[in-house]
Amino acid sequence: MKKNILIIHKDDQARREMHDILSHFDFNLTYADDGLHGLYAAKSGNPDLIISEVNIAILNGLEMCKMIRREREIRQMPMIFLHEELKLDYISTAKNISASAFLIKPYLNNSLIYAIKKALKEEDLHVAKNKEPMRYEDCKIPLLAKIQYA
């Protein structure tokens, strides 16, 4: 069965690079570019895994994860975090909220694949056979025009 992966990253080029790597595997991919959209996608789409940049707009990746951990239905969702530099306080926070991995950019493609396999508890990732890879443009979540702020 296809696993659903939500990727939250502020940089369109970085999302496209991850798409180029992951679209050849048998995953359903969804993308968000800020923490609010990511939180919405996590709650409404119930992905099997979240890969998030730490420094994203509106709600940073670690704060978003803390909010997800408070939601009973999705609190066990595995998460992988990405960051540009080694920041021990970020790594400590990620560990405290049970992150599956914390990758420092630039990471190797193999590191990302290994972290995904570990987070999903998969022995092997299945390559999508006889199928065109998903188009990046088809994987973005729609903008949240109807968000109500309290």
Protein backbone atom coordinates (compact mmCIF):
# COMPACT_ATOMS: atom_id res chain seq x y z
CA MET A 1 0.00 0.00 0.00
CA LYS A 2 1.28 3.46 -0.89
CA LYS A 3 2.53 5.57 1.98
CA ASN A 4 1.53 9.23 2.17
CA ILE A 5 4.36 11.68 2.81
CA LEU A 6 3.82 15.34 3.62
CA ILE A 7 6.81 17.58 2.87
CA ILE A 8 6.83 21.04 4.41
CA HIS A 9 9.55 23.36 3.19
CA LYS A 10 9.70 27.10 2.53
CA ASP A 11 11.90 26.77 -0.56
CA ASP A 12 10.24 25.69 -3.80
CA GLN A 13 13.56 24.47 -5.24
CA ALA A 14 14.23 22.26 -2.20
CA ARG A 15 10.72 20.77 -2.49
CA ARG A 16 11.33 20.08 -6.18
CA GLU A 17 14.66 18.37 -5.39
CA MET A 18 12.96 16.11 -2.83
CA HIS A 19 10.20 15.47 -5.34
CA ASP A 20 12.79 14.38 -7.92
CA ILE A 21 14.17 11.88 -5.41
CA LEU A 22 10.92 10.57 -3.92
CA SER A 23 8.55 10.57 -6.89
CA HIS A 24 10.23 7.44 -8.25
CA PHE A 25 9.20 5.50 -5.17
CA ASP A 26 5.69 4.26 -4.49
CA PHE A 27 4.59 7.23 -2.35
CA ASN A 28 1.78 9.74 -2.49
CA LEU A 29 3.49 13.10 -1.98
CA THR A 30 1.95 16.31 -0.70
CA TYR A 31 3.70 19.64 -0.23
CA ALA A 32 3.15 22.68 1.95
CA ASP A 33 5.31 25.77 2.23
CA ASP A 34 4.57 26.95 5.77
CA GLY A 35 3.71 25.53 9.17
CA LEU A 36 0.04 26.50 9.13
CA HIS A 37 -0.58 24.72 5.82
CA GLY A 38 1.50 21.82 7.11
CA LEU A 39 -0.59 21.53 10.27
CA TYR A 40 -3.79 21.64 8.22
CA ALA A 41 -2.46 18.96 5.84
CA ALA A 42 -1.38 16.76 8.76
CA LYS A 43 -4.81 16.99 10.39
CA SER A 44 -6.86 16.59 7.22
CA GLY A 45 -4.67 14.23 5.21
CA ASN A 46 -3.32 12.01 8.00
CA PRO A 47 0.03 11.31 6.27
CA ASP A 48 2.18 8.34 7.22
CA LEU A 49 5.23 10.61 7.54
CA ILE A 50 6.03 14.32 7.72
CA ILE A 51 9.31 15.74 6.47
CA SER A 52 9.65 19.35 7.60
CA GLU A 53 12.19 22.12 7.45
CA VAL A 54 12.62 23.68 10.91
CA ASN A 55 12.59 27.30 9.69
CA ILE A 56 9.26 27.64 7.94
CA ALA A 57 6.90 30.61 8.00
CA ILE A 58 3.94 31.28 10.31
CA LEU A 59 4.58 28.26 12.55
CA ASN A 60 8.08 26.75 12.62
CA GLY A 61 8.48 23.02 12.08
CA LEU A 62 9.20 22.20 15.72
CA GLU A 63 6.23 24.21 17.01
CA MET A 64 4.02 22.59 14.39
CA CYS A 65 5.20 19.17 15.57
CA LYS A 66 4.40 20.05 19.19
CA MET A 67 0.85 20.91 18.12
CA ILE A 68 0.54 17.64 16.20
CA ARG A 69 1.71 15.71 19.27
CA ARG A 70 -1.29 17.17 21.17
CA GLU A 71 -3.77 15.76 18.63
CA ARG A 72 -4.87 12.28 19.70
CA GLU A 73 -5.55 10.97 16.17
CA ILE A 74 -2.17 11.97 14.71
CA ARG A 75 0.19 12.26 17.68
CA GLN A 76 2.15 9.12 16.75
CA MET A 77 2.94 10.33 13.23
CA PRO A 78 6.67 10.00 12.47
CA MET A 79 8.53 13.18 11.58
CA ILE A 80 11.86 13.98 9.99
CA PHE A 81 13.32 17.47 10.37
CA LEU A 82 15.71 19.33 8.06
CA HIS A 83 17.88 22.32 8.92
CA GLU A 84 20.75 24.28 7.38
CA GLU A 85 23.06 24.01 10.35
CA LEU A 86 23.82 21.99 13.43
CA LYS A 87 21.86 23.65 16.25
CA LEU A 88 21.89 21.59 19.41
CA ASP A 89 18.79 23.25 20.88
CA TYR A 90 16.80 22.33 17.75
CA ILE A 91 18.10 18.77 17.85
CA SER A 92 17.26 18.52 21.54
CA THR A 93 13.73 19.81 20.93
CA ALA A 94 13.28 17.39 18.03
CA LYS A 95 14.40 14.52 20.23
CA ASN A 96 12.02 15.58 23.02
CA ILE A 97 9.08 15.52 20.62
CA SER A 98 10.08 12.09 19.30
CA ALA A 99 11.36 13.04 15.86
CA SER A 100 12.48 10.06 13.79
CA ALA A 101 15.48 11.91 12.35
CA PHE A 102 17.12 15.33 12.10
CA LEU A 103 19.10 15.88 8.90
CA ILE A 104 21.56 18.72 8.39
CA LYS A 105 21.64 20.19 4.88
CA PRO A 106 23.20 19.49 2.55
CA TYR A 107 22.25 15.90 3.24
CA LEU A 108 22.91 13.03 0.89
CA ASN A 109 19.98 11.55 -0.97
CA ASN A 110 20.82 8.22 0.64
CA SER A 111 20.53 9.82 4.10
CA LEU A 112 17.02 11.00 3.29
CA ILE A 113 16.02 7.59 1.92
CA TYR A 114 17.48 5.83 4.98
CA ALA A 115 15.68 8.20 7.38
CA ILE A 116 12.39 7.59 5.54
CA LYS A 117 12.85 3.81 5.67
CA LYS A 118 13.60 3.99 9.39
CA ALA A 119 10.68 6.33 10.15
CA LEU A 120 8.20 4.21 8.19
CA LYS A 121 9.68 0.98 9.59
CA GLU A 122 10.09 -0.35 6.06
CA GLU A 123 12.73 -2.89 5.10
CA ASP A 124 12.73 -1.70 1.52
CA LEU A 125 11.15 1.16 -0.37
CA HIS A 126 9.23 0.14 -3.46
CA VAL A 127 10.03 1.79 -6.75
CA ALA A 128 6.92 2.77 -8.68
CA LYS A 129 6.95 0.48 -11.71
CA ASN A 130 5.50 1.17 -15.14
CA LYS A 131 4.23 4.52 -14.06
CA GLU A 132 5.10 8.11 -14.76
CA PRO A 133 6.35 9.90 -11.63
CA MET A 134 3.85 12.26 -10.04
CA ARG A 135 4.05 15.84 -11.27
CA TYR A 136 5.28 18.28 -8.64
CA GLU A 137 2.48 20.73 -9.43
CA ASP A 138 -0.14 18.06 -8.64
CA CYS A 139 1.20 17.53 -5.11
CA LYS A 140 0.77 20.98 -3.56
CA ILE A 141 -2.05 21.41 -1.08
CA PRO A 142 -4.57 24.13 -1.93
CA LEU A 143 -4.15 27.46 -0.18
CA LEU A 144 -6.19 27.90 2.95
CA ALA A 145 -8.46 30.76 2.02
CA LYS A 146 -11.04 29.95 4.68
CA ILE A 147 -8.90 29.89 7.82
CA GLN A 148 -10.69 31.39 10.78
CA TYR A 149 -8.48 33.08 13.37
CA ALA A 150 -9.72 33.28 16.96
